């Protein structure tokens, strides 16, 4: 795994993607990217109103992320990405960028994730869209470059597992 240049932390909204991807970026000396930053204003407004995006609406979003990953890796960076990756076709768009990526799928129960979402503030994604996120999710059961991490693990345990998956030596403060 030492050749991996990108760690893609995926899962439904509220699963902890951003938290883990940020921590991973710090421990791995990587650039953090948040897929939410690539959404158009229109897409954010739709989601804020409780309207889920269609696959067609997600397509240019995922393509833009793939282009940015290519650019960053071409510049020599390692990258972590918080990315829902709900549909295989969108994960495949990232794979088609031709980069050595490892996907980390945060899997958990809707009740726990909903509880987390209700406890956060300042995010455009309402709890009301969680059911549609789960309905849209195509679990990556047969995708060899995806490792499942449970959402109910403490953040430090998730980080340790993610670093192990990426083949990064654990520093003393992470053990």
N, C-alpha and C. Protein backbone atom coordinates (compact mmCIF):
# COMPACT_ATOMS: atom_id res chain seq x y z
N UNK A 1 0.81 -1.20 0.00
CA UNK A 1 0.00 0.00 0.00
C UNK A 1 0.85 1.26 0.00
N UNK A 2 2.15 1.15 0.10
CA UNK A 2 2.99 2.34 0.22
C UNK A 2 2.90 3.24 -1.01
N UNK A 3 2.43 2.71 -2.14
CA UNK A 3 2.30 3.52 -3.33
C UNK A 3 1.01 4.33 -3.38
N UNK A 4 0.14 4.14 -2.40
CA UNK A 4 -1.13 4.86 -2.37
C UNK A 4 -0.86 6.34 -2.19
N UNK A 5 -1.50 7.16 -3.02
CA UNK A 5 -1.33 8.62 -2.94
C UNK A 5 -2.60 9.31 -2.47
N UNK A 6 -3.71 8.56 -2.41
CA UNK A 6 -4.96 9.16 -1.97
C UNK A 6 -5.76 8.23 -1.09
N UNK A 7 -6.25 8.78 0.00
CA UNK A 7 -7.16 8.06 0.89
C UNK A 7 -8.52 8.70 0.79
N UNK A 8 -9.50 7.94 0.29
CA UNK A 8 -10.85 8.44 0.09
C UNK A 8 -11.73 7.89 1.21
N UNK A 9 -12.16 8.77 2.11
CA UNK A 9 -13.01 8.38 3.22
C UNK A 9 -14.45 8.60 2.78
N UNK A 10 -15.22 7.51 2.70
CA UNK A 10 -16.56 7.58 2.14
C UNK A 10 -17.61 7.06 3.11
N UNK A 11 -18.85 7.49 2.86
CA UNK A 11 -19.98 7.05 3.66
C UNK A 11 -21.09 8.08 3.57
N UNK A 12 -22.20 7.77 4.18
CA UNK A 12 -23.34 8.69 4.16
C UNK A 12 -23.02 9.93 4.98
N UNK A 13 -23.81 10.96 4.80
CA UNK A 13 -23.65 12.18 5.57
C UNK A 13 -23.79 11.85 7.05
N UNK A 14 -22.91 12.42 7.87
CA UNK A 14 -22.95 12.21 9.30
C UNK A 14 -22.17 11.00 9.78
N UNK A 15 -21.52 10.27 8.86
CA UNK A 15 -20.78 9.07 9.25
C UNK A 15 -19.41 9.39 9.84
N UNK A 16 -18.94 10.62 9.69
CA UNK A 16 -17.63 11.00 10.23
C UNK A 16 -16.54 11.10 9.19
N UNK A 17 -16.93 11.21 7.92
CA UNK A 17 -15.95 11.28 6.83
C UNK A 17 -14.98 12.44 6.99
N UNK A 18 -15.49 13.60 7.24
CA UNK A 18 -14.65 14.79 7.33
C UNK A 18 -13.71 14.69 8.52
N UNK A 19 -14.22 14.25 9.65
CA UNK A 19 -13.39 14.12 10.85
C UNK A 19 -12.22 13.17 10.59
N UNK A 20 -12.51 12.00 10.02
CA UNK A 20 -11.44 11.03 9.78
C UNK A 20 -10.50 11.51 8.68
N UNK A 21 -11.02 12.06 7.61
CA UNK A 21 -10.16 12.51 6.50
C UNK A 21 -9.24 13.64 6.96
N UNK A 22 -9.73 14.55 7.80
CA UNK A 22 -8.87 15.62 8.34
C UNK A 22 -7.77 15.04 9.23
N UNK A 23 -8.15 14.14 10.12
CA UNK A 23 -7.16 13.53 11.02
C UNK A 23 -6.13 12.74 10.22
N UNK A 24 -6.60 12.04 9.22
CA UNK A 24 -5.71 11.26 8.37
C UNK A 24 -4.73 12.16 7.62
N UNK A 25 -5.23 13.29 7.14
CA UNK A 25 -4.36 14.25 6.43
C UNK A 25 -3.25 14.75 7.36
N UNK A 26 -3.59 15.02 8.60
CA UNK A 26 -2.59 15.49 9.54
C UNK A 26 -1.55 14.44 9.87
N UNK A 27 -1.99 13.22 10.10
CA UNK A 27 -1.07 12.15 10.48
C UNK A 27 -0.25 11.64 9.30
N UNK A 28 -0.77 11.77 8.09
CA UNK A 28 -0.13 11.23 6.89
C UNK A 28 0.60 12.32 6.10
N UNK A 29 0.54 13.55 6.61
CA UNK A 29 1.11 14.71 5.92
C UNK A 29 0.57 14.80 4.50
N UNK A 30 -0.75 14.83 4.42
CA UNK A 30 -1.46 14.87 3.15
C UNK A 30 -2.31 16.13 3.08
N UNK A 31 -2.74 16.46 1.88
CA UNK A 31 -3.66 17.57 1.67
C UNK A 31 -5.08 17.06 1.87
N UNK A 32 -5.87 17.78 2.66
CA UNK A 32 -7.26 17.41 2.89
C UNK A 32 -8.15 18.10 1.87
N UNK A 33 -9.04 17.33 1.25
CA UNK A 33 -10.08 17.87 0.38
C UNK A 33 -11.43 17.39 0.87
N UNK A 34 -12.41 18.27 0.81
CA UNK A 34 -13.78 17.92 1.18
C UNK A 34 -14.63 17.97 -0.08
N UNK A 35 -15.21 16.86 -0.45
CA UNK A 35 -16.03 16.79 -1.66
C UNK A 35 -17.20 17.78 -1.61
N UNK A 36 -17.65 18.12 -0.41
CA UNK A 36 -18.74 19.10 -0.30
C UNK A 36 -18.35 20.44 -0.92
N UNK A 37 -17.06 20.76 -0.89
CA UNK A 37 -16.61 22.03 -1.46
C UNK A 37 -16.72 22.07 -2.98
N UNK A 38 -16.93 20.92 -3.60
CA UNK A 38 -17.03 20.84 -5.06
C UNK A 38 -18.47 20.90 -5.55
N UNK A 39 -19.44 20.89 -4.64
CA UNK A 39 -20.83 20.99 -5.04
C UNK A 39 -21.13 22.40 -5.55
N UNK A 40 -21.99 22.48 -6.53
CA UNK A 40 -22.44 23.78 -7.02
C UNK A 40 -23.35 24.42 -5.97
N UNK A 41 -23.52 25.73 -6.09
CA UNK A 41 -24.44 26.42 -5.19
C UNK A 41 -25.84 25.85 -5.33
N UNK A 42 -26.22 25.52 -6.56
CA UNK A 42 -27.55 24.95 -6.80
C UNK A 42 -27.72 23.62 -6.07
N UNK A 43 -26.70 22.77 -6.13
CA UNK A 43 -26.78 21.47 -5.45
C UNK A 43 -26.89 21.65 -3.94
N UNK A 44 -26.11 22.58 -3.39
CA UNK A 44 -26.19 22.84 -1.95
C UNK A 44 -27.58 23.34 -1.55
N UNK A 45 -28.13 24.23 -2.37
CA UNK A 45 -29.47 24.76 -2.09
C UNK A 45 -30.52 23.65 -2.13
N UNK A 46 -30.43 22.77 -3.10
CA UNK A 46 -31.37 21.65 -3.19
C UNK A 46 -31.30 20.79 -1.93
N UNK A 47 -30.08 20.41 -1.55
CA UNK A 47 -29.92 19.56 -0.37
C UNK A 47 -30.38 20.28 0.90
N UNK A 48 -30.09 21.57 1.01
CA UNK A 48 -30.52 22.33 2.19
C UNK A 48 -32.04 22.35 2.30
N UNK A 49 -32.72 22.29 1.15
CA UNK A 49 -34.20 22.24 1.15
C UNK A 49 -34.72 20.83 1.38
N UNK A 50 -33.81 19.87 1.52
CA UNK A 50 -34.24 18.50 1.75
C UNK A 50 -34.47 17.70 0.49
N UNK A 51 -33.98 18.19 -0.65
CA UNK A 51 -34.15 17.50 -1.92
C UNK A 51 -32.85 16.77 -2.28
N UNK A 52 -32.92 15.44 -2.44
CA UNK A 52 -31.70 14.70 -2.77
C UNK A 52 -31.25 14.96 -4.20
N UNK A 53 -29.94 14.84 -4.41
CA UNK A 53 -29.39 15.00 -5.75
C UNK A 53 -29.60 13.72 -6.55
N UNK A 54 -29.72 13.87 -7.85
CA UNK A 54 -29.83 12.72 -8.74
C UNK A 54 -28.42 12.29 -9.15
N UNK A 55 -28.32 11.10 -9.72
CA UNK A 55 -27.03 10.63 -10.22
C UNK A 55 -26.48 11.58 -11.28
N UNK A 56 -27.36 12.10 -12.11
CA UNK A 56 -26.93 13.03 -13.16
C UNK A 56 -26.35 14.31 -12.56
N UNK A 57 -26.93 14.77 -11.46
CA UNK A 57 -26.42 15.97 -10.79
C UNK A 57 -25.07 15.71 -10.13
N UNK A 58 -24.86 14.47 -9.69
CA UNK A 58 -23.61 14.12 -9.01
C UNK A 58 -22.46 13.89 -10.00
N UNK A 59 -22.78 13.58 -11.25
CA UNK A 59 -21.75 13.22 -12.22
C UNK A 59 -20.68 14.30 -12.41
N UNK A 60 -21.04 15.56 -12.73
CA UNK A 60 -20.00 16.58 -12.90
C UNK A 60 -19.26 16.88 -11.60
N UNK A 61 -19.94 16.74 -10.50
CA UNK A 61 -19.32 16.92 -9.18
C UNK A 61 -18.19 15.91 -9.00
N UNK A 62 -18.48 14.62 -9.23
CA UNK A 62 -17.46 13.58 -9.08
C UNK A 62 -16.34 13.75 -10.10
N UNK A 63 -16.67 14.15 -11.31
CA UNK A 63 -15.64 14.36 -12.34
C UNK A 63 -14.71 15.50 -11.94
N UNK A 64 -15.26 16.56 -11.38
CA UNK A 64 -14.43 17.68 -10.91
C UNK A 64 -13.49 17.28 -9.79
N UNK A 65 -13.96 16.42 -8.92
CA UNK A 65 -13.12 15.93 -7.82
C UNK A 65 -11.98 15.09 -8.39
N UNK A 66 -12.29 14.22 -9.35
CA UNK A 66 -11.25 13.38 -9.96
C UNK A 66 -10.17 14.24 -10.60
N UNK A 67 -10.57 15.30 -11.27
CA UNK A 67 -9.61 16.20 -11.90
C UNK A 67 -8.72 16.86 -10.86
N UNK A 68 -9.32 17.29 -9.76
CA UNK A 68 -8.53 17.93 -8.70
C UNK A 68 -7.57 16.93 -8.05
N UNK A 69 -8.01 15.70 -7.85
CA UNK A 69 -7.11 14.68 -7.30
C UNK A 69 -5.92 14.46 -8.23
N UNK A 70 -6.18 14.37 -9.52
CA UNK A 70 -5.09 14.21 -10.49
C UNK A 70 -4.10 15.36 -10.39
N UNK A 71 -4.61 16.58 -10.32
CA UNK A 71 -3.75 17.76 -10.23
C UNK A 71 -2.88 17.72 -8.98
N UNK A 72 -3.49 17.42 -7.86
CA UNK A 72 -2.76 17.41 -6.58
C UNK A 72 -1.67 16.33 -6.58
N UNK A 73 -2.03 15.14 -7.05
CA UNK A 73 -1.05 14.04 -7.05
C UNK A 73 0.06 14.33 -8.06
N UNK A 74 -0.28 14.92 -9.20
CA UNK A 74 0.74 15.30 -10.19
C UNK A 74 1.73 16.29 -9.61
N UNK A 75 1.26 17.12 -8.67
CA UNK A 75 2.13 18.09 -7.99
C UNK A 75 2.93 17.45 -6.84
N UNK A 76 2.77 16.14 -6.65
CA UNK A 76 3.54 15.42 -5.65
C UNK A 76 2.87 15.25 -4.30
N UNK A 77 1.63 15.68 -4.18
CA UNK A 77 0.95 15.61 -2.88
C UNK A 77 0.30 14.25 -2.65
N UNK A 78 0.18 13.92 -1.39
CA UNK A 78 -0.74 12.86 -0.97
C UNK A 78 -2.02 13.60 -0.61
N UNK A 79 -3.15 12.93 -0.79
CA UNK A 79 -4.44 13.59 -0.60
C UNK A 79 -5.38 12.69 0.20
N UNK A 80 -6.10 13.31 1.12
CA UNK A 80 -7.24 12.63 1.73
C UNK A 80 -8.49 13.37 1.29
N UNK A 81 -9.53 12.62 1.05
CA UNK A 81 -10.78 13.17 0.52
C UNK A 81 -11.95 12.65 1.33
N UNK A 82 -12.77 13.56 1.85
CA UNK A 82 -14.05 13.20 2.45
C UNK A 82 -15.07 13.24 1.31
N UNK A 83 -15.62 12.08 0.97
CA UNK A 83 -16.42 11.91 -0.25
C UNK A 83 -17.53 10.90 0.03
N UNK A 84 -18.78 11.27 -0.21
CA UNK A 84 -19.86 10.34 0.10
C UNK A 84 -19.68 9.02 -0.65
N UNK A 85 -19.39 9.08 -1.94
CA UNK A 85 -19.17 7.85 -2.71
C UNK A 85 -20.34 6.90 -2.66
N UNK A 86 -21.55 7.44 -2.61
CA UNK A 86 -22.73 6.59 -2.44
C UNK A 86 -22.94 5.62 -3.60
N UNK A 87 -22.61 6.04 -4.79
CA UNK A 87 -22.83 5.21 -5.98
C UNK A 87 -21.51 4.70 -6.52
N UNK A 88 -21.54 3.47 -6.96
CA UNK A 88 -20.31 2.88 -7.52
C UNK A 88 -19.83 3.68 -8.73
N UNK A 89 -20.75 4.16 -9.55
CA UNK A 89 -20.32 4.91 -10.74
C UNK A 89 -19.50 6.14 -10.37
N UNK A 90 -19.77 6.74 -9.22
CA UNK A 90 -19.00 7.92 -8.80
C UNK A 90 -17.65 7.50 -8.22
N UNK A 91 -17.62 6.37 -7.53
CA UNK A 91 -16.33 5.84 -7.07
C UNK A 91 -15.48 5.46 -8.29
N UNK A 92 -16.15 4.88 -9.30
CA UNK A 92 -15.43 4.49 -10.52
C UNK A 92 -14.86 5.70 -11.27
N UNK A 93 -15.53 6.84 -11.19
CA UNK A 93 -14.99 8.06 -11.80
C UNK A 93 -13.67 8.44 -11.14
N UNK A 94 -13.58 8.29 -9.84
CA UNK A 94 -12.31 8.57 -9.15
C UNK A 94 -11.27 7.54 -9.54
N UNK A 95 -11.68 6.28 -9.63
CA UNK A 95 -10.73 5.24 -10.04
C UNK A 95 -10.21 5.49 -11.45
N UNK A 96 -11.07 5.99 -12.32
CA UNK A 96 -10.69 6.24 -13.72
C UNK A 96 -9.65 7.35 -13.84
N UNK A 97 -9.44 8.10 -12.77
CA UNK A 97 -8.41 9.15 -12.79
C UNK A 97 -7.01 8.54 -12.86
N UNK A 98 -6.92 7.22 -12.65
CA UNK A 98 -5.64 6.54 -12.79
C UNK A 98 -4.68 6.74 -11.64
N UNK A 99 -5.20 7.05 -10.48
CA UNK A 99 -4.37 7.31 -9.30
C UNK A 99 -4.41 6.13 -8.35
N UNK A 100 -3.34 5.92 -7.60
CA UNK A 100 -3.37 4.86 -6.58
C UNK A 100 -4.16 5.34 -5.36
N UNK A 101 -5.42 4.92 -5.31
CA UNK A 101 -6.33 5.33 -4.23
C UNK A 101 -6.70 4.15 -3.36
N UNK A 102 -6.98 4.44 -2.10
CA UNK A 102 -7.54 3.46 -1.18
C UNK A 102 -8.82 4.07 -0.61
N UNK A 103 -9.93 3.36 -0.72
CA UNK A 103 -11.20 3.82 -0.18
C UNK A 103 -11.40 3.25 1.22
N UNK A 104 -11.86 4.10 2.13
CA UNK A 104 -12.17 3.73 3.51
C UNK A 104 -13.65 4.02 3.72
N UNK A 105 -14.46 2.97 3.83
CA UNK A 105 -15.91 3.10 3.92
C UNK A 105 -16.34 3.08 5.37
N UNK A 106 -16.89 4.21 5.85
CA UNK A 106 -17.42 4.31 7.21
C UNK A 106 -18.86 3.78 7.20
N UNK A 107 -19.03 2.61 7.76
CA UNK A 107 -20.34 1.96 7.76
C UNK A 107 -20.92 1.99 9.17
N UNK A 108 -22.21 2.31 9.24
CA UNK A 108 -22.86 2.33 10.54
C UNK A 108 -24.37 2.32 10.40
N UNK A 109 -25.02 2.21 11.53
CA UNK A 109 -26.48 2.18 11.58
C UNK A 109 -27.07 3.57 11.44
N UNK A 110 -28.20 3.65 10.76
CA UNK A 110 -28.86 4.93 10.51
C UNK A 110 -29.21 5.66 11.81
N UNK A 111 -29.61 4.92 12.85
CA UNK A 111 -29.99 5.56 14.11
C UNK A 111 -28.82 6.32 14.73
N UNK A 112 -27.66 5.70 14.76
CA UNK A 112 -26.47 6.34 15.33
C UNK A 112 -26.06 7.55 14.48
N UNK A 113 -26.04 7.38 13.19
CA UNK A 113 -25.64 8.48 12.31
C UNK A 113 -26.63 9.63 12.38
N UNK A 114 -27.91 9.33 12.44
CA UNK A 114 -28.93 10.37 12.60
C UNK A 114 -28.76 11.15 13.88
N UNK A 115 -28.42 10.44 14.95
CA UNK A 115 -28.17 11.09 16.24
C UNK A 115 -26.99 12.06 16.12
N UNK A 116 -25.94 11.63 15.43
CA UNK A 116 -24.79 12.51 15.22
C UNK A 116 -25.18 13.74 14.41
N UNK A 117 -25.97 13.52 13.37
CA UNK A 117 -26.37 14.64 12.52
C UNK A 117 -27.19 15.66 13.30
N UNK A 118 -28.06 15.18 14.17
CA UNK A 118 -28.88 16.10 14.97
C UNK A 118 -28.02 16.91 15.94
N UNK A 119 -26.86 16.38 16.30
CA UNK A 119 -25.98 17.06 17.25
C UNK A 119 -25.02 18.05 16.62
N UNK A 120 -24.98 18.13 15.30
CA UNK A 120 -24.04 19.06 14.66
C UNK A 120 -24.78 20.29 14.18
N UNK A 121 -24.02 21.36 14.02
CA UNK A 121 -24.63 22.60 13.54
C UNK A 121 -23.80 23.17 12.40
N UNK A 122 -24.44 24.00 11.60
CA UNK A 122 -23.73 24.69 10.53
C UNK A 122 -23.53 23.88 9.26
N UNK A 123 -24.16 22.73 9.13
CA UNK A 123 -24.01 21.92 7.93
C UNK A 123 -25.29 22.02 7.12
N UNK A 124 -25.14 22.10 5.80
CA UNK A 124 -26.31 22.28 4.94
C UNK A 124 -27.16 21.02 4.79
N UNK A 125 -26.60 19.86 5.08
CA UNK A 125 -27.31 18.60 4.87
C UNK A 125 -28.25 18.32 6.04
N UNK A 126 -29.56 18.34 5.81
CA UNK A 126 -30.49 18.08 6.91
C UNK A 126 -30.62 16.58 7.21
N UNK A 127 -30.98 16.28 8.44
CA UNK A 127 -31.17 14.89 8.87
C UNK A 127 -32.24 14.23 8.00
N UNK A 128 -33.17 15.01 7.48
CA UNK A 128 -34.26 14.44 6.68
C UNK A 128 -33.76 13.74 5.42
N UNK A 129 -32.54 14.03 4.98
CA UNK A 129 -32.00 13.37 3.79
C UNK A 129 -31.23 12.08 4.10
N UNK A 130 -31.12 11.73 5.37
CA UNK A 130 -30.35 10.54 5.72
C UNK A 130 -30.95 9.28 5.10
N UNK A 131 -32.26 9.15 5.14
CA UNK A 131 -32.90 7.97 4.55
C UNK A 131 -32.59 7.87 3.06
N UNK A 132 -32.61 9.01 2.36
CA UNK A 132 -32.31 8.96 0.92
C UNK A 132 -30.84 8.63 0.69
N UNK A 133 -29.97 9.05 1.61
CA UNK A 133 -28.56 8.70 1.49
C UNK A 133 -28.40 7.17 1.59
N UNK A 134 -29.04 6.56 2.57
CA UNK A 134 -28.97 5.11 2.70
C UNK A 134 -29.62 4.40 1.52
N UNK A 135 -30.72 4.95 1.00
CA UNK A 135 -31.38 4.34 -0.15
C UNK A 135 -30.51 4.42 -1.40
N UNK A 136 -29.74 5.48 -1.53
CA UNK A 136 -28.87 5.68 -2.68
C UNK A 136 -27.58 4.87 -2.57
N UNK A 137 -27.13 4.61 -1.36
CA UNK A 137 -25.86 3.94 -1.12
C UNK A 137 -25.80 2.56 -1.77
N UNK A 138 -24.81 2.37 -2.61
CA UNK A 138 -24.47 1.06 -3.15
C UNK A 138 -23.23 0.60 -2.38
N UNK A 139 -23.45 -0.29 -1.42
CA UNK A 139 -22.34 -0.73 -0.58
C UNK A 139 -21.27 -1.39 -1.44
N UNK A 140 -20.01 -1.09 -1.16
CA UNK A 140 -18.90 -1.57 -1.98
C UNK A 140 -18.40 -2.96 -1.58
N UNK A 141 -19.30 -3.91 -1.49
CA UNK A 141 -18.95 -5.24 -1.02
C UNK A 141 -17.94 -5.98 -1.88
N UNK A 142 -17.94 -5.77 -3.18
CA UNK A 142 -17.05 -6.53 -4.07
C UNK A 142 -15.95 -5.66 -4.68
N UNK A 143 -15.66 -4.54 -4.07
CA UNK A 143 -14.65 -3.62 -4.59
C UNK A 143 -13.37 -3.81 -3.78
N UNK A 144 -12.33 -4.32 -4.43
CA UNK A 144 -11.10 -4.71 -3.74
C UNK A 144 -10.35 -3.56 -3.09
N UNK A 145 -10.57 -2.33 -3.55
CA UNK A 145 -9.84 -1.19 -3.00
C UNK A 145 -10.61 -0.47 -1.90
N UNK A 146 -11.60 -1.16 -1.31
CA UNK A 146 -12.41 -0.57 -0.25
C UNK A 146 -12.25 -1.40 1.03
N UNK A 147 -11.96 -0.70 2.12
CA UNK A 147 -11.89 -1.32 3.44
C UNK A 147 -12.96 -0.68 4.30
N UNK A 148 -13.71 -1.51 5.03
CA UNK A 148 -14.79 -1.03 5.89
C UNK A 148 -14.25 -0.69 7.26
N UNK A 149 -14.63 0.51 7.74
CA UNK A 149 -14.33 0.93 9.11
C UNK A 149 -15.66 1.22 9.81
N UNK A 150 -15.89 0.67 11.00
CA UNK A 150 -17.14 0.93 11.70
C UNK A 150 -17.22 2.37 12.20
N UNK A 151 -18.38 3.01 12.03
CA UNK A 151 -18.54 4.39 12.50
C UNK A 151 -18.55 4.50 14.01
N UNK A 152 -18.85 3.40 14.69
CA UNK A 152 -18.96 3.50 16.15
C UNK A 152 -17.62 3.33 16.87
N UNK A 153 -16.53 3.19 16.13
CA UNK A 153 -15.21 3.19 16.76
C UNK A 153 -14.84 4.61 17.19
N UNK A 154 -14.10 4.75 18.27
CA UNK A 154 -13.62 6.08 18.64
C UNK A 154 -12.73 6.64 17.51
N UNK A 155 -12.72 7.95 17.33
CA UNK A 155 -11.93 8.56 16.25
C UNK A 155 -10.47 8.13 16.21
N UNK A 156 -9.81 7.99 17.39
CA UNK A 156 -8.40 7.59 17.38
C UNK A 156 -8.23 6.16 16.87
N UNK A 157 -9.18 5.29 17.18
CA UNK A 157 -9.11 3.90 16.69
C UNK A 157 -9.36 3.87 15.18
N UNK A 158 -10.29 4.68 14.70
CA UNK A 158 -10.51 4.77 13.25
C UNK A 158 -9.23 5.24 12.55
N UNK A 159 -8.60 6.26 13.11
CA UNK A 159 -7.38 6.79 12.51
C UNK A 159 -6.29 5.74 12.47
N UNK A 160 -6.09 5.02 13.56
CA UNK A 160 -5.08 3.96 13.58
C UNK A 160 -5.35 2.92 12.49
N UNK A 161 -6.61 2.49 12.38
CA UNK A 161 -6.96 1.51 11.36
C UNK A 161 -6.71 2.07 9.96
N UNK A 162 -7.12 3.31 9.73
CA UNK A 162 -6.93 3.93 8.42
C UNK A 162 -5.45 4.00 8.06
N UNK A 163 -4.63 4.39 9.00
CA UNK A 163 -3.18 4.46 8.75
C UNK A 163 -2.61 3.08 8.45
N UNK A 164 -3.08 2.07 9.17
CA UNK A 164 -2.63 0.70 8.90
C UNK A 164 -3.01 0.27 7.49
N UNK A 165 -4.24 0.56 7.09
CA UNK A 165 -4.71 0.21 5.75
C UNK A 165 -3.85 0.88 4.69
N UNK A 166 -3.46 2.12 4.94
CA UNK A 166 -2.63 2.87 3.98
C UNK A 166 -1.16 2.48 4.05
N UNK A 167 -0.80 1.66 5.03
CA UNK A 167 0.59 1.23 5.16
C UNK A 167 1.48 2.29 5.77
N UNK A 168 0.90 3.20 6.55
CA UNK A 168 1.65 4.27 7.18
C UNK A 168 2.10 3.81 8.56
N UNK A 169 3.40 3.93 8.87
CA UNK A 169 3.86 3.55 10.21
C UNK A 169 3.16 4.40 11.27
N UNK A 170 2.75 3.74 12.34
CA UNK A 170 2.09 4.45 13.42
C UNK A 170 3.14 5.15 14.28
N UNK A 171 2.93 6.43 14.51
CA UNK A 171 3.81 7.19 15.39
C UNK A 171 3.46 6.88 16.83
N UNK A 172 4.38 7.13 17.71
CA UNK A 172 4.17 6.81 19.12
C UNK A 172 2.88 7.43 19.68
N UNK A 173 2.56 8.65 19.26
CA UNK A 173 1.38 9.31 19.83
C UNK A 173 0.07 8.74 19.31
N UNK A 174 0.13 7.89 18.31
CA UNK A 174 -1.09 7.30 17.77
C UNK A 174 -1.33 5.88 18.29
N UNK A 175 -0.36 5.32 18.96
CA UNK A 175 -0.48 3.92 19.36
C UNK A 175 -1.31 3.77 20.60
